[in-house]
């Protein structure tokens, strides 16, 4: 077990936290004050829009969730390619 993490791990953790904060602030200010890094609220708003038959709002919240999922998949794909390229 690693008792002390390498310096690059700490730098990466700080960078990821910083970027996540920026994404959340931009999403909060740009998407009807909905946090995009925590999908529970967005999913609840999507369910409420669907229940109210509000197609525009449902499409909006679906796009937020879809963008988050697409970003996650792209990040994973990029990370996996980088890992296998280094080996």
PDB file of N, CA and C in Angstrom:
ATOM      1  N   UNK A   1       0.844  -1.178   0.000  1.00  0.00           N
ATOM      2  CA  UNK A   1       0.000   0.000   0.000  1.00  0.00           C
ATOM      3  C   UNK A   1       0.890   1.242   0.000  1.00  0.00           C
ATOM      4  N   UNK A   2       0.492   2.252  -0.739  1.00  0.00           N
ATOM      5  CA  UNK A   2       1.260   3.482  -0.821  1.00  0.00           C
ATOM      6  C   UNK A   2       0.976   4.320   0.421  1.00  0.00           C
ATOM      7  N   UNK A   3       2.032   4.648   1.167  1.00  0.00           N
ATOM      8  CA  UNK A   3       1.823   5.447   2.373  1.00  0.00           C
ATOM      9  C   UNK A   3       1.854   6.939   2.073  1.00  0.00           C
ATOM     10  N   UNK A   4       2.552   7.321   1.014  1.00  0.00           N
ATOM     11  CA  UNK A   4       2.605   8.732   0.630  1.00  0.00           C
ATOM     12  C   UNK A   4       2.343   8.826  -0.867  1.00  0.00           C
ATOM     13  N   UNK A   5       1.352   9.613  -1.228  1.00  0.00           N
ATOM     14  CA  UNK A   5       0.995   9.735  -2.635  1.00  0.00           C
ATOM     15  C   UNK A   5       2.039  10.571  -3.367  1.00  0.00           C
ATOM     16  N   UNK A   6       2.312  10.214  -4.619  1.00  0.00           N
ATOM     17  CA  UNK A   6       3.246  11.020  -5.407  1.00  0.00           C
ATOM     18  C   UNK A   6       2.711  12.438  -5.611  1.00  0.00           C
ATOM     19  N   UNK A   7       3.623  13.348  -5.864  1.00  0.00           N
ATOM     20  CA  UNK A   7       3.262  14.762  -6.028  1.00  0.00           C
ATOM     21  C   UNK A   7       2.292  14.970  -7.190  1.00  0.00           C
ATOM     22  N   UNK A   8       2.427  14.186  -8.282  1.00  0.00           N
ATOM     23  CA  UNK A   8       1.561  14.367  -9.440  1.00  0.00           C
ATOM     24  C   UNK A   8       0.114  14.020  -9.119  1.00  0.00           C
ATOM     25  N   UNK A   9      -0.098  13.099  -8.171  1.00  0.00           N
ATOM     26  CA  UNK A   9      -1.458  12.745  -7.778  1.00  0.00           C
ATOM     27  C   UNK A   9      -2.123  13.938  -7.084  1.00  0.00           C
ATOM     28  N   UNK A  10      -1.378  14.592  -6.204  1.00  0.00           N
ATOM     29  CA  UNK A  10      -1.932  15.767  -5.521  1.00  0.00           C
ATOM     30  C   UNK A  10      -2.200  16.894  -6.516  1.00  0.00           C
ATOM     31  N   UNK A  11      -1.287  17.113  -7.437  1.00  0.00           N
ATOM     32  CA  UNK A  11      -1.483  18.162  -8.448  1.00  0.00           C
ATOM     33  C   UNK A  11      -2.713  17.847  -9.299  1.00  0.00           C
ATOM     34  N   UNK A  12      -2.861  16.591  -9.693  1.00  0.00           N
ATOM     35  CA  UNK A  12      -4.027  16.179 -10.477  1.00  0.00           C
ATOM     36  C   UNK A  12      -5.322  16.331  -9.704  1.00  0.00           C
ATOM     37  N   UNK A  13      -5.297  15.984  -8.429  1.00  0.00           N
ATOM     38  CA  UNK A  13      -6.495  16.114  -7.599  1.00  0.00           C
ATOM     39  C   UNK A  13      -6.915  17.577  -7.468  1.00  0.00           C
ATOM     40  N   UNK A  14      -5.959  18.443  -7.247  1.00  0.00           N
ATOM     41  CA  UNK A  14      -6.258  19.872  -7.158  1.00  0.00           C
ATOM     42  C   UNK A  14      -6.786  20.394  -8.490  1.00  0.00           C
ATOM     43  N   UNK A  15      -6.170  19.982  -9.589  1.00  0.00           N
ATOM     44  CA  UNK A  15      -6.615  20.438 -10.914  1.00  0.00           C
ATOM     45  C   UNK A  15      -8.043  19.972 -11.203  1.00  0.00           C
ATOM     46  N   UNK A  16      -8.347  18.718 -10.896  1.00  0.00           N
ATOM     47  CA  UNK A  16      -9.693  18.199 -11.124  1.00  0.00           C
ATOM     48  C   UNK A  16     -10.727  18.923 -10.263  1.00  0.00           C
ATOM     49  N   UNK A  17     -10.393  19.176  -9.008  1.00  0.00           N
ATOM     50  CA  UNK A  17     -11.312  19.891  -8.129  1.00  0.00           C
ATOM     51  C   UNK A  17     -11.551  21.315  -8.638  1.00  0.00           C
ATOM     52  N   UNK A  18     -10.482  21.960  -9.114  1.00  0.00           N
ATOM     53  CA  UNK A  18     -10.599  23.317  -9.642  1.00  0.00           C
ATOM     54  C   UNK A  18     -11.489  23.346 -10.881  1.00  0.00           C
ATOM     55  N   UNK A  19     -11.248  22.423 -11.806  1.00  0.00           N
ATOM     56  CA  UNK A  19     -12.045  22.363 -13.033  1.00  0.00           C
ATOM     57  C   UNK A  19     -13.503  22.029 -12.714  1.00  0.00           C
ATOM     58  N   UNK A  20     -13.727  21.115 -11.778  1.00  0.00           N
ATOM     59  CA  UNK A  20     -15.101  20.772 -11.392  1.00  0.00           C
ATOM     60  C   UNK A  20     -15.814  21.989 -10.809  1.00  0.00           C
ATOM     61  N   UNK A  21     -15.109  22.783 -10.031  1.00  0.00           N
ATOM     62  CA  UNK A  21     -15.701  24.002  -9.488  1.00  0.00           C
ATOM     63  C   UNK A  21     -16.058  24.993 -10.581  1.00  0.00           C
ATOM     64  N   UNK A  22     -15.166  25.143 -11.552  1.00  0.00           N
ATOM     65  CA  UNK A  22     -15.443  26.054 -12.663  1.00  0.00           C
ATOM     66  C   UNK A  22     -16.653  25.577 -13.459  1.00  0.00           C
ATOM     67  N   UNK A  23     -16.693  24.292 -13.755  1.00  0.00           N
ATOM     68  CA  UNK A  23     -17.826  23.737 -14.512  1.00  0.00           C
ATOM     69  C   UNK A  23     -19.125  23.955 -13.748  1.00  0.00           C
ATOM     70  N   UNK A  24     -19.095  23.747 -12.447  1.00  0.00           N
ATOM     71  CA  UNK A  24     -20.306  23.919 -11.650  1.00  0.00           C
ATOM     72  C   UNK A  24     -20.759  25.377 -11.637  1.00  0.00           C
ATOM     73  N   UNK A  25     -19.826  26.301 -11.504  1.00  0.00           N
ATOM     74  CA  UNK A  25     -20.193  27.726 -11.489  1.00  0.00           C
ATOM     75  C   UNK A  25     -20.752  28.155 -12.838  1.00  0.00           C
ATOM     76  N   UNK A  26     -20.094  27.751 -13.925  1.00  0.00           N
ATOM     77  CA  UNK A  26     -20.589  28.107 -15.259  1.00  0.00           C
ATOM     78  C   UNK A  26     -21.967  27.499 -15.490  1.00  0.00           C
ATOM     79  N   UNK A  27     -22.138  26.253 -15.102  1.00  0.00           N
ATOM     80  CA  UNK A  27     -23.442  25.609 -15.244  1.00  0.00           C
ATOM     81  C   UNK A  27     -24.493  26.278 -14.378  1.00  0.00           C
ATOM     82  N   UNK A  28     -24.108  26.633 -13.165  1.00  0.00           N
ATOM     83  CA  UNK A  28     -25.045  27.267 -12.252  1.00  0.00           C
ATOM     84  C   UNK A  28     -25.505  28.617 -12.797  1.00  0.00           C
ATOM     85  N   UNK A  29     -24.594  29.358 -13.388  1.00  0.00           N
ATOM     86  CA  UNK A  29     -24.946  30.675 -13.917  1.00  0.00           C
ATOM     87  C   UNK A  29     -25.614  30.594 -15.288  1.00  0.00           C
ATOM     88  N   UNK A  30     -25.298  29.547 -16.053  1.00  0.00           N
ATOM     89  CA  UNK A  30     -25.784  29.486 -17.418  1.00  0.00           C
ATOM     90  C   UNK A  30     -26.999  28.616 -17.660  1.00  0.00           C
ATOM     91  N   UNK A  31     -27.289  27.675 -16.791  1.00  0.00           N
ATOM     92  CA  UNK A  31     -28.376  26.727 -17.018  1.00  0.00           C
ATOM     93  C   UNK A  31     -29.470  26.874 -15.971  1.00  0.00           C
ATOM     94  N   UNK A  32     -30.155  27.981 -15.968  1.00  0.00           N
ATOM     95  CA  UNK A  32     -31.279  28.215 -15.054  1.00  0.00           C
ATOM     96  C   UNK A  32     -30.928  27.917 -13.604  1.00  0.00           C
ATOM     97  N   UNK A  33     -29.736  28.247 -13.212  1.00  0.00           N
ATOM     98  CA  UNK A  33     -29.257  28.059 -11.849  1.00  0.00           C
ATOM     99  C   UNK A  33     -29.336  26.607 -11.396  1.00  0.00           C
ATOM    100  N   UNK A  34     -28.989  25.699 -12.303  1.00  0.00           N
ATOM    101  CA  UNK A  34     -28.950  24.269 -11.982  1.00  0.00           C
ATOM    102  C   UNK A  34     -27.493  23.823 -11.929  1.00  0.00           C
ATOM    103  N   UNK A  35     -27.094  23.218 -10.830  1.00  0.00           N
ATOM    104  CA  UNK A  35     -25.741  22.689 -10.710  1.00  0.00           C
ATOM    105  C   UNK A  35     -25.603  21.493 -11.644  1.00  0.00           C
ATOM    106  N   UNK A  36     -24.558  21.475 -12.452  1.00  0.00           N
ATOM    107  CA  UNK A  36     -24.412  20.399 -13.429  1.00  0.00           C
ATOM    108  C   UNK A  36     -23.499  19.276 -12.947  1.00  0.00           C
ATOM    109  N   UNK A  37     -22.752  19.487 -11.883  1.00  0.00           N
ATOM    110  CA  UNK A  37     -21.868  18.418 -11.424  1.00  0.00           C
ATOM    111  C   UNK A  37     -22.550  17.489 -10.436  1.00  0.00           C
ATOM    112  N   UNK A  38     -23.701  17.872  -9.949  1.00  0.00           N
ATOM    113  CA  UNK A  38     -24.486  17.006  -9.074  1.00  0.00           C
ATOM    114  C   UNK A  38     -25.841  16.817  -9.761  1.00  0.00           C
ATOM    115  N   UNK A  39     -26.085  15.630 -10.237  1.00  0.00           N
ATOM    116  CA  UNK A  39     -27.243  15.413 -11.103  1.00  0.00           C
ATOM    117  C   UNK A  39     -28.536  15.096 -10.366  1.00  0.00           C
ATOM    118  N   UNK A  40     -28.505  15.003  -9.062  1.00  0.00           N
ATOM    119  CA  UNK A  40     -29.743  14.659  -8.365  1.00  0.00           C
ATOM    120  C   UNK A  40     -30.795  15.751  -8.532  1.00  0.00           C
ATOM    121  N   UNK A  41     -30.401  17.005  -8.394  1.00  0.00           N
ATOM    122  CA  UNK A  41     -31.356  18.099  -8.562  1.00  0.00           C
ATOM    123  C   UNK A  41     -31.845  18.209  -9.994  1.00  0.00           C
ATOM    124  N   UNK A  42     -30.929  18.042 -10.941  1.00  0.00           N
ATOM    125  CA  UNK A  42     -31.295  18.118 -12.355  1.00  0.00           C
ATOM    126  C   UNK A  42     -32.237  16.976 -12.728  1.00  0.00           C
ATOM    127  N   UNK A  43     -31.982  15.796 -12.196  1.00  0.00           N
ATOM    128  CA  UNK A  43     -32.849  14.652 -12.467  1.00  0.00           C
ATOM    129  C   UNK A  43     -34.234  14.870 -11.866  1.00  0.00           C
ATOM    130  N   UNK A  44     -34.286  15.451 -10.683  1.00  0.00           N
ATOM    131  CA  UNK A  44     -35.585  15.770 -10.070  1.00  0.00           C
ATOM    132  C   UNK A  44     -36.342  16.797 -10.892  1.00  0.00           C
ATOM    133  N   UNK A  45     -35.616  17.815 -11.399  1.00  0.00           N
ATOM    134  CA  UNK A  45     -36.260  18.830 -12.231  1.00  0.00           C
ATOM    135  C   UNK A  45     -36.753  18.218 -13.547  1.00  0.00           C
ATOM    136  N   UNK A  46     -36.005  17.256 -14.090  1.00  0.00           N
ATOM    137  CA  UNK A  46     -36.438  16.557 -15.301  1.00  0.00           C
ATOM    138  C   UNK A  46     -37.723  15.783 -15.025  1.00  0.00           C
ATOM    139  N   UNK A  47     -37.759  15.082 -13.899  1.00  0.00           N
ATOM    140  CA  UNK A  47     -38.965  14.323 -13.548  1.00  0.00           C
ATOM    141  C   UNK A  47     -40.166  15.251 -13.373  1.00  0.00           C
ATOM    142  N   UNK A  48     -39.948  16.401 -12.746  1.00  0.00           N
ATOM    143  CA  UNK A  48     -41.047  17.362 -12.560  1.00  0.00           C
ATOM    144  C   UNK A  48     -41.521  17.914 -13.905  1.00  0.00           C
ATOM    145  N   UNK A  49     -40.585  18.188 -14.807  1.00  0.00           N
ATOM    146  CA  UNK A  49     -40.941  18.697 -16.135  1.00  0.00           C
ATOM    147  C   UNK A  49     -41.726  17.651 -16.919  1.00  0.00           C
ATOM    148  N   UNK A  50     -41.312  16.395 -16.813  1.00  0.00           N
ATOM    149  CA  UNK A  50     -42.035  15.319 -17.499  1.00  0.00           C
ATOM    150  C   UNK A  50     -43.435  15.150 -16.924  1.00  0.00           C
ATOM    151  N   UNK A  51     -43.553  15.237 -15.604  1.00  0.00           N
ATOM    152  CA  UNK A  51     -44.858  15.093 -14.967  1.00  0.00           C
ATOM    153  C   UNK A  51     -45.793  16.249 -15.342  1.00  0.00           C
ATOM    154  N   UNK A  52     -45.219  17.430 -15.564  1.00  0.00           N
ATOM    155  CA  UNK A  52     -46.016  18.594 -15.929  1.00  0.00           C
ATOM    156  C   UNK A  52     -46.209  18.715 -17.439  1.00  0.00           C
ATOM    157  N   UNK A  53     -45.700  17.746 -18.183  1.00  0.00           N
ATOM    158  CA  UNK A  53     -45.780  17.748 -19.652  1.00  0.00           C
ATOM    159  C   UNK A  53     -45.170  19.024 -20.255  1.00  0.00           C
ATOM    160  N   UNK A  54     -44.069  19.487 -19.641  1.00  0.00           N
ATOM    161  CA  UNK A  54     -43.346  20.666 -20.125  1.00  0.00           C
ATOM    162  C   UNK A  54     -42.189  20.184 -20.994  1.00  0.00           C
ATOM    163  N   UNK A  55     -42.446  20.075 -22.285  1.00  0.00           N
ATOM    164  CA  UNK A  55     -41.462  19.522 -23.214  1.00  0.00           C
ATOM    165  C   UNK A  55     -40.183  20.321 -23.304  1.00  0.00           C
ATOM    166  N   UNK A  56     -40.294  21.650 -23.294  1.00  0.00           N
ATOM    167  CA  UNK A  56     -39.099  22.496 -23.403  1.00  0.00           C
ATOM    168  C   UNK A  56     -38.183  22.304 -22.195  1.00  0.00           C
ATOM    169  N   UNK A  57     -38.760  22.296 -20.997  1.00  0.00           N
ATOM    170  CA  UNK A  57     -37.962  22.108 -19.790  1.00  0.00           C
ATOM    171  C   UNK A  57     -37.382  20.695 -19.743  1.00  0.00           C
ATOM    172  N   UNK A  58     -38.179  19.703 -20.157  1.00  0.00           N
ATOM    173  CA  UNK A  58     -37.687  18.323 -20.175  1.00  0.00           C
ATOM    174  C   UNK A  58     -36.507  18.176 -21.129  1.00  0.00           C
ATOM    175  N   UNK A  59     -36.607  18.810 -22.285  1.00  0.00           N
ATOM    176  CA  UNK A  59     -35.497  18.779 -23.242  1.00  0.00           C
ATOM    177  C   UNK A  59     -34.274  19.472 -22.671  1.00  0.00           C
ATOM    178  N   UNK A  60     -34.491  20.587 -22.001  1.00  0.00           N
ATOM    179  CA  UNK A  60     -33.395  21.343 -21.392  1.00  0.00           C
ATOM    180  C   UNK A  60     -32.658  20.496 -20.350  1.00  0.00           C
ATOM    181  N   UNK A  61     -33.407  19.901 -19.423  1.00  0.00           N
ATOM    182  CA  UNK A  61     -32.781  19.104 -18.378  1.00  0.00           C
ATOM    183  C   UNK A  61     -32.175  17.824 -18.934  1.00  0.00           C
ATOM    184  N   UNK A  62     -32.775  17.247 -19.960  1.00  0.00           N
ATOM    185  CA  UNK A  62     -32.197  16.076 -20.614  1.00  0.00           C
ATOM    186  C   UNK A  62     -30.863  16.431 -21.265  1.00  0.00           C
ATOM    187  N   UNK A  63     -30.783  17.626 -21.844  1.00  0.00           N
ATOM    188  CA  UNK A  63     -29.529  18.070 -22.461  1.00  0.00           C
ATOM    189  C   UNK A  63     -28.431  18.260 -21.419  1.00  0.00           C
ATOM    190  N   UNK A  64     -28.789  18.773 -20.254  1.00  0.00           N
ATOM    191  CA  UNK A  64     -27.803  18.932 -19.175  1.00  0.00           C
ATOM    192  C   UNK A  64     -27.282  17.568 -18.748  1.00  0.00           C
ATOM    193  N   UNK A  65     -28.184  16.618 -18.514  1.00  0.00           N
ATOM    194  CA  UNK A  65     -27.775  15.278 -18.094  1.00  0.00           C
ATOM    195  C   UNK A  65     -26.977  14.604 -19.201  1.00  0.00           C
ATOM    196  N   UNK A  66     -27.424  14.727 -20.441  1.00  0.00           N
ATOM    197  CA  UNK A  66     -26.702  14.139 -21.562  1.00  0.00           C
ATOM    198  C   UNK A  66     -25.305  14.718 -21.724  1.00  0.00           C
ATOM    199  N   UNK A  67     -25.173  16.022 -21.527  1.00  0.00           N
ATOM    200  CA  UNK A  67     -23.852  16.658 -21.616  1.00  0.00           C
ATOM    201  C   UNK A  67     -22.924  16.144 -20.534  1.00  0.00           C
ATOM    202  N   UNK A  68     -23.462  15.974 -19.331  1.00  0.00           N
ATOM    203  CA  UNK A  68     -22.645  15.448 -18.239  1.00  0.00           C
ATOM    204  C   UNK A  68     -22.180  14.025 -18.543  1.00  0.00           C
ATOM    205  N   UNK A  69     -23.104  13.193 -19.009  1.00  0.00           N
ATOM    206  CA  UNK A  69     -22.763  11.802 -19.326  1.00  0.00           C
ATOM    207  C   UNK A  69     -21.754  11.751 -20.480  1.00  0.00           C
ATOM    208  N   UNK A  70     -21.955  12.569 -21.508  1.00  0.00           N
ATOM    209  CA  UNK A  70     -21.023  12.599 -22.641  1.00  0.00           C
ATOM    210  C   UNK A  70     -19.635  13.036 -22.187  1.00  0.00           C
ATOM    211  N   UNK A  71     -19.569  14.029 -21.327  1.00  0.00           N
ATOM    212  CA  UNK A  71     -18.281  14.468 -20.798  1.00  0.00           C
ATOM    213  C   UNK A  71     -17.594  13.396 -19.980  1.00  0.00           C
ATOM    214  N   UNK A  72     -18.378  12.654 -19.212  1.00  0.00           N
ATOM    215  CA  UNK A  72     -17.821  11.558 -18.420  1.00  0.00           C
ATOM    216  C   UNK A  72     -17.255  10.461 -19.323  1.00  0.00           C
ATOM    217  N   UNK A  73     -18.011  10.103 -20.347  1.00  0.00           N
ATOM    218  CA  UNK A  73     -17.560   9.064 -21.284  1.00  0.00           C
ATOM    219  C   UNK A  73     -16.304   9.514 -22.020  1.00  0.00           C
ATOM    220  N   UNK A  74     -16.274  10.759 -22.459  1.00  0.00           N
ATOM    221  CA  UNK A  74     -15.107  11.285 -23.159  1.00  0.00           C
ATOM    222  C   UNK A  74     -13.881  11.307 -22.253  1.00  0.00           C
ATOM    223  N   UNK A  75     -14.070  11.690 -20.997  1.00  0.00           N
ATOM    224  CA  UNK A  75     -12.960  11.691 -20.044  1.00  0.00           C
ATOM    225  C   UNK A  75     -12.428  10.283 -19.823  1.00  0.00           C
ATOM    226  N   UNK A  76     -13.330   9.329 -19.664  1.00  0.00           N
ATOM    227  CA  UNK A  76     -12.923   7.941 -19.460  1.00  0.00           C
ATOM    228  C   UNK A  76     -12.183   7.409 -20.680  1.00  0.00           C
ATOM    229  N   UNK A  77     -12.709   7.690 -21.863  1.00  0.00           N
ATOM    230  CA  UNK A  77     -12.074   7.237 -23.100  1.00  0.00           C
ATOM    231  C   UNK A  77     -10.668   7.816 -23.218  1.00  0.00           C
ATOM    232  N   UNK A  78     -10.537   9.094 -22.929  1.00  0.00           N
ATOM    233  CA  UNK A  78      -9.232   9.751 -22.999  1.00  0.00           C
ATOM    234  C   UNK A  78      -8.268   9.158 -21.985  1.00  0.00           C
ATOM    235  N   UNK A  79      -8.736   8.927 -20.766  1.00  0.00           N
ATOM    236  CA  UNK A  79      -7.874   8.368 -19.726  1.00  0.00           C
ATOM    237  C   UNK A  79      -7.433   6.949 -20.069  1.00  0.00           C
ATOM    238  N   UNK A  80      -8.351   6.131 -20.561  1.00  0.00           N
ATOM    239  CA  UNK A  80      -8.013   4.753 -20.908  1.00  0.00           C
ATOM    240  C   UNK A  80      -7.011   4.718 -22.056  1.00  0.00           C
ATOM    241  N   UNK A  81      -7.230   5.543 -23.069  1.00  0.00           N
ATOM    242  CA  UNK A  81      -6.269   5.599 -24.182  1.00  0.00           C
ATOM    243  C   UNK A  81      -4.896   6.017 -23.707  1.00  0.00           C
ATOM    244  N   UNK A  82      -4.837   6.977 -22.798  1.00  0.00           N
ATOM    245  CA  UNK A  82      -3.550   7.445 -22.294  1.00  0.00           C
ATOM    246  C   UNK A  82      -2.862   6.359 -21.470  1.00  0.00           C
ATOM    247  N   UNK A  83      -3.626   5.644 -20.667  1.00  0.00           N
ATOM    248  CA  UNK A  83      -3.049   4.582 -19.852  1.00  0.00           C
ATOM    249  C   UNK A  83      -2.450   3.491 -20.732  1.00  0.00           C
ATOM    250  N   UNK A  84      -3.208   3.058 -21.766  1.00  0.00           N
ATOM    251  CA  UNK A  84      -2.720   1.984 -22.633  1.00  0.00           C
ATOM    252  C   UNK A  84      -1.593   2.452 -23.533  1.00  0.00           C
ATOM    253  N   UNK A  85      -1.538   3.737 -23.864  1.00  0.00           N
ATOM    254  CA  UNK A  85      -0.452   4.262 -24.673  1.00  0.00           C
ATOM    255  C   UNK A  85       0.847   4.250 -23.901  1.00  0.00           C
ATOM    256  N   UNK A  86       0.788   4.463 -22.582  1.00  0.00           N
ATOM    257  CA  UNK A  86       1.983   4.492 -21.752  1.00  0.00           C
ATOM    258  C   UNK A  86       2.554   3.107 -21.502  1.00  0.00           C
ATOM    259  N   UNK A  87       1.729   2.069 -21.667  1.00  0.00           N
ATOM    260  CA  UNK A  87       2.215   0.710 -21.391  1.00  0.00           C
ATOM    261  C   UNK A  87       2.882   0.103 -22.580  1.00  0.00           C
TER     262      UNK A  87
END
